[in-house]
Amino acid sequence: MKIVIAPDKFRGSLTGIEFCWIVKEAIWKIIPDAEIVEAPVADGGDGTLSALESQVPHGKKLLEVHDPLFRKIEAAFLYNEDFKIAFVEMAEASGLRLLKEDEYNCSKTTTYGTGELIKAALDAGAEKIILGVGGSATCDCGMGMAAALGYEFYDAEGKAVEPIGENLSSVKEIRTDKVDPRVMTTDFEVACDVISPLYGEDGAAYIYGPQKGASKEEIEFLDKGLRDFNEVLIETFNKDINDIYGAGAAGGMGAGALTFLNGELRSGIEMVKEMIRFDKKIKDADWVVTGEGKLDFQTLTGKAVKGVSESAQDQKIPVAVFCGRITLPQDALSNMGIQYSASVMLEAIDYDDAIKNGRSYLDKMATDFALRVQRDL
């Protein structure tokens, strides 16, 4: 009996690695001779670094950078010396998880620290950089990231503009003469999990602004800023990237990476699967167990669980999913190849109970699953 455990994180409760440990121990108590393969996954957002760290050869580099509010923090990136490849997770320096809830305000935040991580990766010798975007606290269209790499932003009076979301409309000129030349000779691949355009009702500000602390008025202001900033990007780089799928990822970092880094946007989960050789790991498995905090219609647009289930379906392997909450109807689960599902919220008293006691609820779900598998043996 071979079971592959391949979860994403439960945001605010469990990491993917913790999920693996809990489920593995629960299964072994019921089926002690089961072969368990741990393969935590992610879709490019926060948690991707730790998922890759446990499975991909690397050296971990620590350095001091600026957080979303320009405070000094320690952050990390992964670097493979043999292949000259670095993995930078945006959430390490510019993530919402770095702020207290009362500090959420994507009008005031910056991606500058992400640019510092990229510069450090270049200094380490990286010839290819994979940038995971997601989980950000920002809506600056990558302006902060670009500023850390030498791009300069000026207003109509020729004054330097601070690279934060509320200043997007102030930018009238982008100067490129001081940009780190290595940016143009490095291969950038951008792992993202959303298909949003840069602006508009489905864009970065309207869809993700509320969870980053933006009020209705601020969302409208930021959306206008993204529109105005895009006009300057068109004038400077002769690129209109608004309608490219993923341009609105991470507060417009998708657009920023396309423009300032000449990057290529790719599905985050597909990139992670390639890097950890996921399809090879699940070969001849009897079950694939996956999960994430919330399984909903957004999952179908390219989240981690969707990517895992697609690989399992290709190899005709049944999928079990353990989630915090499941809102997808049964037919949608069946279409994904999910033959067993369980949700914390079906057991928990309320949301706070689910977060506080996530470990014990996951242990129970995994135990019930193992008992079911044992009966079928």
Protein backbone atom coordinates (compact mmCIF):
# COMPACT_ATOMS: atom_id res chain seq x y z
CA MET A 1 0.00 0.00 0.00
CA LYS A 2 1.58 3.26 -1.20
CA ILE A 3 0.06 6.57 -0.11
CA VAL A 4 1.42 9.94 -1.24
CA ILE A 5 0.65 12.91 1.00
CA ALA A 6 0.69 16.12 -1.05
CA PRO A 7 -1.03 19.05 0.71
CA ASP A 8 -0.84 22.80 0.51
CA LYS A 9 -0.89 24.76 3.78
CA PHE A 10 -3.88 25.49 5.99
CA ARG A 11 -3.31 29.25 6.19
CA GLY A 12 -3.14 30.40 9.81
CA SER A 13 -3.22 26.86 11.16
CA LEU A 14 -0.88 24.28 9.60
CA THR A 15 2.00 24.22 7.13
CA GLY A 16 2.07 21.63 4.40
CA ILE A 17 4.92 19.83 6.16
CA GLU A 18 2.97 19.72 9.44
CA PHE A 19 -0.01 18.31 7.52
CA CYS A 20 2.23 15.53 6.19
CA TRP A 21 3.52 14.63 9.66
CA ILE A 22 0.06 14.46 11.21
CA VAL A 23 -1.51 12.43 8.42
CA LYS A 24 1.47 10.06 8.16
CA GLU A 25 1.39 9.22 11.88
CA ALA A 26 -2.38 8.71 11.82
CA ILE A 27 -2.19 6.33 8.84
CA TRP A 28 0.70 4.35 10.31
CA LYS A 29 -1.27 3.70 13.49
CA ILE A 30 -3.92 1.93 11.40
CA ILE A 31 -1.82 0.60 8.49
CA PRO A 32 1.72 0.25 9.92
CA ASP A 33 3.20 -1.30 6.78
CA ALA A 34 1.99 1.46 4.44
CA GLU A 35 4.63 3.13 2.28
CA ILE A 36 4.20 6.85 2.89
CA VAL A 37 5.67 9.44 0.52
CA GLU A 38 5.63 13.05 1.73
CA ALA A 39 5.35 15.59 -1.09
CA PRO A 40 4.03 18.94 0.21
CA VAL A 41 3.09 21.29 -2.61
CA ALA A 42 2.22 24.96 -3.10
CA ASP A 43 1.07 27.23 -5.89
CA GLY A 44 3.66 29.99 -5.77
CA GLY A 45 2.36 31.89 -2.75
CA ASP A 46 3.42 31.73 0.89
CA GLY A 47 4.46 28.23 1.86
CA THR A 48 6.15 27.51 -1.46
CA LEU A 49 9.63 28.08 -0.03
CA SER A 50 9.15 25.53 2.76
CA ALA A 51 7.56 22.99 0.39
CA LEU A 52 10.54 23.19 -1.96
CA GLU A 53 13.11 23.35 0.83
CA SER A 54 12.16 19.86 1.98
CA GLN A 55 12.43 18.28 -1.48
CA VAL A 56 14.76 20.19 -3.80
CA PRO A 57 18.58 20.33 -3.50
CA HIS A 58 19.51 23.85 -2.44
CA GLY A 59 21.43 26.18 -0.23
CA LYS A 60 19.35 28.49 1.94
CA LYS A 61 20.48 32.11 1.95
CA LEU A 62 19.46 34.47 4.75
CA LEU A 63 19.71 38.24 4.56
CA GLU A 64 18.27 41.45 5.95
CA VAL A 65 15.62 43.10 3.78
CA HIS A 66 12.69 45.50 4.16
CA ASP A 67 9.21 44.24 4.99
CA PRO A 68 6.03 45.70 3.42
CA LEU A 69 6.25 48.73 5.73
CA PHE A 70 10.00 49.31 5.14
CA ARG A 71 11.05 47.76 8.47
CA LYS A 72 14.18 45.60 8.58
CA ILE A 73 13.54 41.84 8.80
CA GLU A 74 15.42 38.64 8.01
CA ALA A 75 14.25 36.74 4.94
CA ALA A 76 15.51 33.82 2.87
CA PHE A 77 15.71 32.44 -0.63
CA LEU A 78 16.86 29.07 -1.97
CA TYR A 79 19.83 28.70 -4.31
CA ASN A 80 21.15 25.70 -6.21
CA GLU A 81 24.81 26.38 -6.91
CA ASP A 82 25.21 23.57 -9.46
CA PHE A 83 22.41 24.79 -11.72
CA LYS A 84 22.63 28.51 -10.85
CA ILE A 85 18.90 28.57 -10.05
CA ALA A 86 17.34 30.58 -7.23
CA PHE A 87 13.84 30.42 -5.83
CA VAL A 88 12.50 33.64 -4.34
CA GLU A 89 9.17 33.67 -2.51
CA MET A 90 7.57 37.10 -2.53
CA ALA A 91 5.76 36.43 0.75
CA GLU A 92 9.12 36.12 2.56
CA ALA A 93 9.65 39.88 2.29
CA SER A 94 6.35 41.34 1.11
CA GLY A 95 3.79 38.95 2.58
CA LEU A 96 0.61 39.73 4.46
CA ARG A 97 1.72 37.27 7.14
CA LEU A 98 4.49 39.70 8.11
CA LEU A 99 1.96 42.28 9.33
CA LYS A 100 -0.39 42.46 12.27
CA GLU A 101 -4.03 42.67 11.28
CA ASP A 102 -4.28 46.31 12.29
CA GLU A 103 -1.35 47.09 9.94
CA TYR A 104 -3.08 45.79 6.81
CA ASN A 105 -3.17 48.66 4.30
CA CYS A 106 -2.09 47.91 0.73
CA SER A 107 -2.06 51.63 -0.07
CA LYS A 108 0.97 52.03 2.19
CA THR A 109 2.89 48.81 1.50
CA THR A 110 5.75 48.00 -0.87
CA THR A 111 7.41 45.10 -2.67
CA TYR A 112 10.85 46.64 -2.15
CA GLY A 113 12.02 43.71 -0.01
CA THR A 114 11.22 41.27 -2.80
CA GLY A 115 13.52 43.25 -5.06
CA GLU A 116 16.23 43.02 -2.42
CA LEU A 117 15.86 39.22 -2.40
CA ILE A 118 16.14 39.15 -6.20
CA LYS A 119 19.27 41.32 -6.07
CA ALA A 120 20.81 38.97 -3.49
CA ALA A 121 20.04 36.00 -5.73
CA LEU A 122 21.81 37.78 -8.59
CA ASP A 123 24.76 38.49 -6.30
CA ALA A 124 24.90 34.77 -5.45
CA GLY A 125 25.33 34.01 -9.15
CA ALA A 126 21.82 33.01 -10.20
CA GLU A 127 21.29 32.78 -13.95
CA LYS A 128 17.66 31.74 -13.54
CA ILE A 129 15.30 33.00 -10.85
CA ILE A 130 11.91 31.48 -10.11
CA LEU A 131 9.76 34.09 -8.39
CA GLY A 132 6.78 32.82 -6.43
CA VAL A 133 4.09 35.48 -6.13
CA GLY A 134 1.11 35.29 -3.83
CA GLY A 135 0.17 35.98 -0.24
CA SER A 136 1.29 39.58 -0.65
CA ALA A 137 0.42 42.60 1.48
CA THR A 138 0.86 44.91 -1.48
CA CYS A 139 -0.76 46.61 -4.45
CA ASP A 140 2.16 48.55 -5.95
CA CYS A 141 2.37 46.73 -9.33
CA GLY A 142 5.91 45.62 -8.47
CA MET A 143 7.14 49.22 -8.27
CA GLY A 144 8.97 48.59 -5.00
CA MET A 145 10.62 45.46 -6.36
CA ALA A 146 11.74 47.41 -9.42
CA ALA A 147 13.09 50.28 -7.30
CA ALA A 148 15.35 47.87 -5.41
CA LEU A 149 16.81 46.79 -8.77
CA GLY A 150 17.58 50.32 -9.95
CA TYR A 151 14.41 51.52 -11.66
CA GLU A 152 13.55 55.10 -10.72
CA PHE A 153 10.08 56.62 -10.54
CA TYR A 154 9.30 60.34 -10.81
CA ASP A 155 6.21 62.53 -10.64
CA ALA A 156 5.20 65.35 -12.98
CA GLU A 157 7.55 67.78 -11.19
CA GLY A 158 10.54 65.46 -11.46
CA LYS A 159 10.48 64.42 -7.80
CA ALA A 160 11.22 60.84 -6.79
CA VAL A 161 8.11 58.83 -5.89
CA GLU A 162 8.06 56.48 -2.93
CA PRO A 163 7.22 52.98 -4.31
CA ILE A 164 3.94 52.23 -2.53
CA GLY A 165 0.42 51.57 -3.75
CA GLU A 166 -1.07 54.98 -3.08
CA ASN A 167 1.55 56.64 -5.29
CA LEU A 168 0.83 54.70 -8.48
CA SER A 169 -1.06 57.58 -10.10
CA SER A 170 1.74 59.99 -9.20
CA VAL A 171 4.27 58.24 -11.42
CA LYS A 172 4.72 60.06 -14.73
CA GLU A 173 8.23 58.94 -15.67
CA ILE A 174 10.21 55.71 -15.24
CA ARG A 175 13.97 55.92 -15.68
CA THR A 176 15.93 52.78 -16.52
CA ASP A 177 19.52 53.99 -16.87
CA LYS A 178 20.51 52.75 -13.39
CA VAL A 179 18.85 49.33 -13.59
CA ASP A 180 21.08 46.42 -12.58
CA PRO A 181 22.23 45.08 -15.99
CA ARG A 182 21.97 41.48 -14.77
CA VAL A 183 18.19 41.84 -14.73
CA MET A 184 18.13 41.83 -18.53
CA THR A 185 20.37 38.75 -18.87
CA THR A 186 18.66 36.58 -16.25
CA ASP A 187 15.85 34.14 -16.98
CA PHE A 188 12.85 34.92 -14.75
CA GLU A 189 9.94 32.51 -14.38
CA VAL A 190 7.02 33.75 -12.30
CA ALA A 191 4.91 31.20 -10.43
CA CYS A 192 1.39 32.47 -9.77
CA ASP A 193 -1.97 30.95 -8.92
CA VAL A 194 -4.45 33.52 -10.24
CA ILE A 195 -5.65 34.61 -13.67
CA SER A 196 -6.78 38.14 -12.77
CA PRO A 197 -6.04 41.08 -15.08
CA LEU A 198 -4.21 44.07 -13.66
CA TYR A 199 -7.22 46.36 -13.13
CA GLY A 200 -11.00 46.46 -13.41
CA GLU A 201 -13.67 44.58 -11.49
CA ASP A 202 -11.69 41.34 -11.73
CA GLY A 203 -8.34 43.04 -11.17
CA ALA A 204 -5.80 43.23 -8.39
CA ALA A 205 -7.44 45.98 -6.31
CA TYR A 206 -11.06 44.86 -6.47
CA ILE A 207 -10.48 41.13 -5.97
CA TYR A 208 -7.64 41.14 -3.43
CA GLY A 209 -7.68 44.64 -1.94
CA PRO A 210 -10.31 43.87 0.72
CA GLN A 211 -8.26 41.07 2.30
CA LYS A 212 -5.28 43.43 2.45
CA GLY A 213 -7.11 46.09 4.43
CA ALA A 214 -8.40 48.34 1.64
CA SER A 215 -11.71 50.14 2.07
CA LYS A 216 -14.16 50.61 -0.82
CA GLU A 217 -12.78 54.09 -1.48
CA GLU A 218 -9.19 52.84 -1.32
CA ILE A 219 -9.98 50.01 -3.73
CA GLU A 220 -11.33 52.50 -6.28
CA PHE A 221 -8.26 54.71 -5.73
CA LEU A 222 -5.86 51.79 -6.15
CA ASP A 223 -7.64 50.56 -9.26
CA LYS A 224 -7.27 54.01 -10.81
CA GLY A 225 -3.62 53.95 -9.79
CA LEU A 226 -3.08 50.63 -11.56
CA ARG A 227 -4.77 52.00 -14.69
CA ASP A 228 -2.64 55.16 -14.63
CA PHE A 229 0.55 53.24 -13.91
CA ASN A 230 -0.17 50.90 -16.80
CA GLU A 231 -0.29 53.89 -19.13
CA VAL A 232 3.22 54.87 -18.03
CA LEU A 233 4.39 51.27 -18.53
CA ILE A 234 2.99 51.34 -22.08
CA GLU A 235 4.75 54.63 -22.79
CA THR A 236 8.06 53.44 -21.32
CA PHE A 237 8.24 49.81 -22.40
CA ASN A 238 5.70 49.65 -25.24
CA LYS A 239 3.88 46.85 -23.40
CA ASP A 240 0.21 46.70 -22.44
CA ILE A 241 -0.01 43.81 -20.03
CA ASN A 242 -3.41 44.44 -18.41
CA ASP A 243 -5.25 41.59 -20.10
CA ILE A 244 -2.52 38.98 -19.69
CA TYR A 245 -3.72 36.24 -17.32
CA GLY A 246 -1.96 36.70 -14.00
CA ALA A 247 -1.07 40.39 -14.48
CA GLY A 248 -3.10 41.19 -11.36
CA ALA A 249 -1.44 38.53 -9.22
CA ALA A 250 -0.07 39.73 -5.88
CA GLY A 251 -1.22 43.32 -6.19
CA GLY A 252 0.01 43.63 -9.75
CA MET A 253 3.33 41.90 -9.17
CA GLY A 254 2.47 39.71 -12.14
CA ALA A 255 2.43 42.80 -14.35
CA GLY A 256 5.56 44.15 -12.68
CA ALA A 257 7.47 40.93 -13.26
CA LEU A 258 6.38 40.81 -16.89
CA THR A 259 7.52 44.38 -17.45
CA PHE A 260 10.47 45.08 -15.17
CA LEU A 261 11.99 41.57 -15.27
CA ASN A 262 10.82 40.51 -18.72
CA GLY A 263 9.53 37.44 -16.89
CA GLU A 264 7.29 34.61 -18.01
CA LEU A 265 4.15 33.88 -16.01
CA ARG A 266 3.45 30.22 -15.33
CA SER A 267 1.09 28.18 -13.19
CA GLY A 268 2.60 28.00 -9.72
CA ILE A 269 1.45 24.48 -8.94
CA GLU A 270 2.68 23.16 -12.29
CA MET A 271 6.13 24.68 -11.68
CA VAL A 272 6.28 23.22 -8.17
CA LYS A 273 5.24 19.79 -9.45
CA GLU A 274 8.04 19.91 -12.02
CA MET A 275 10.62 20.96 -9.44
CA ILE A 276 9.76 18.18 -6.97
CA ARG A 277 9.19 15.58 -9.74
CA PHE A 278 5.70 15.02 -8.47
CA ASP A 279 4.42 12.81 -11.27
CA LYS A 280 7.31 10.40 -10.64
CA LYS A 281 6.67 10.38 -6.87
CA ILE A 282 3.05 9.29 -7.26
CA LYS A 283 3.81 6.48 -9.73
CA ASP A 284 2.12 3.23 -8.60
CA ALA A 285 0.47 4.93 -5.62
CA ASP A 286 -2.79 3.49 -4.27
CA TRP A 287 -3.97 6.87 -2.93
CA VAL A 288 -2.94 10.50 -3.12
CA VAL A 289 -3.94 12.54 -0.07
CA THR A 290 -4.08 16.30 -0.51
CA GLY A 291 -5.68 19.32 1.16
CA GLU A 292 -5.74 23.05 1.73
CA GLY A 293 -7.51 25.54 3.96
CA LYS A 294 -10.51 26.09 1.70
CA LEU A 295 -11.67 24.04 -1.27
CA ASP A 296 -13.90 26.29 -3.36
CA PHE A 297 -14.41 27.45 -6.95
CA GLN A 298 -11.12 29.38 -6.83
CA THR A 299 -9.43 25.98 -6.48
CA LEU A 300 -10.60 25.17 -10.01
CA THR A 301 -8.67 28.11 -11.47
CA GLY A 302 -5.28 26.56 -10.74
CA LYS A 303 -4.73 26.13 -7.01
CA ALA A 304 -2.57 23.38 -5.55
CA VAL A 305 -5.29 20.78 -4.94
CA LYS A 306 -6.43 21.06 -8.57
CA GLY A 307 -2.89 20.46 -9.81
CA VAL A 308 -2.43 17.47 -7.53
CA SER A 309 -5.73 15.91 -8.56
CA GLU A 310 -4.93 16.39 -12.27
CA SER A 311 -1.68 14.45 -11.92
CA ALA A 312 -3.46 11.73 -9.97
CA GLN A 313 -6.22 11.46 -12.56
CA ASP A 314 -3.63 11.10 -15.33
CA GLN A 315 -2.29 8.03 -13.52
CA LYS A 316 -5.76 6.80 -12.46
CA ILE A 317 -4.99 7.16 -8.76
CA PRO A 318 -7.88 7.96 -6.37
CA VAL A 319 -7.60 11.19 -4.39
CA ALA A 320 -8.55 11.91 -0.78
CA VAL A 321 -8.83 15.52 0.31
CA PHE A 322 -8.80 16.95 3.85
CA CYS A 323 -9.64 20.65 4.06
CA GLY A 324 -10.60 23.30 6.54
CA ARG A 325 -13.77 24.02 4.58
CA ILE A 326 -15.25 22.53 1.40
CA THR A 327 -17.82 24.52 -0.56
CA LEU A 328 -17.59 22.71 -3.89
CA PRO A 329 -20.54 20.45 -4.77
CA GLN A 330 -20.02 16.69 -4.90
CA ASP A 331 -20.10 16.54 -8.70
CA ALA A 332 -17.21 19.03 -8.89
CA LEU A 333 -15.22 16.89 -6.45
CA SER A 334 -15.94 13.78 -8.50
CA ASN A 335 -14.83 15.52 -11.69
CA MET A 336 -11.49 16.22 -9.99
CA GLY A 337 -11.05 12.52 -9.19
CA ILE A 338 -11.69 13.06 -5.48
CA GLN A 339 -13.15 9.87 -4.06
CA TYR A 340 -12.89 10.74 -0.37
CA SER A 341 -13.31 14.11 1.30
CA ALA A 342 -13.45 15.47 4.83
CA SER A 343 -13.69 18.96 6.28
CA VAL A 344 -12.66 20.44 9.62
CA MET A 345 -15.70 22.73 9.65
CA LEU A 346 -18.03 19.74 9.66
CA GLU A 347 -16.53 18.78 13.03
CA ALA A 348 -15.49 22.11 14.59
CA ILE A 349 -17.68 24.28 16.81
CA ASP A 350 -16.73 27.43 14.90
CA TYR A 351 -13.89 28.99 12.92
CA ASP A 352 -11.80 29.83 16.01
CA ASP A 353 -12.11 26.25 17.20
CA ALA A 354 -11.07 24.99 13.76
CA ILE A 355 -7.92 27.14 13.76
CA LYS A 356 -7.00 26.40 17.38
CA ASN A 357 -7.56 22.65 17.16
CA GLY A 358 -6.67 22.06 13.53
CA ARG A 359 -4.11 19.39 14.40
CA SER A 360 -6.53 17.20 16.31
CA TYR A 361 -9.25 17.55 13.68
CA LEU A 362 -6.79 16.62 10.92
CA ASP A 363 -5.62 13.61 12.95
CA LYS A 364 -9.23 12.44 13.25
CA MET A 365 -9.90 12.90 9.53
CA ALA A 366 -6.75 10.97 8.62
CA THR A 367 -7.60 8.19 11.09
CA ASP A 368 -11.11 7.82 9.67
CA PHE A 369 -9.64 7.67 6.18
CA ALA A 370 -7.09 5.03 7.18
CA LEU A 371 -9.83 2.90 8.73
CA ARG A 372 -11.80 3.14 5.50
CA VAL A 373 -8.74 2.10 3.45
CA GLN A 374 -8.01 -0.78 5.84
CA ARG A 375 -11.56 -2.12 5.43
CA ASP A 376 -11.11 -2.09 1.66
CA LEU A 377 -7.84 -4.04 1.76
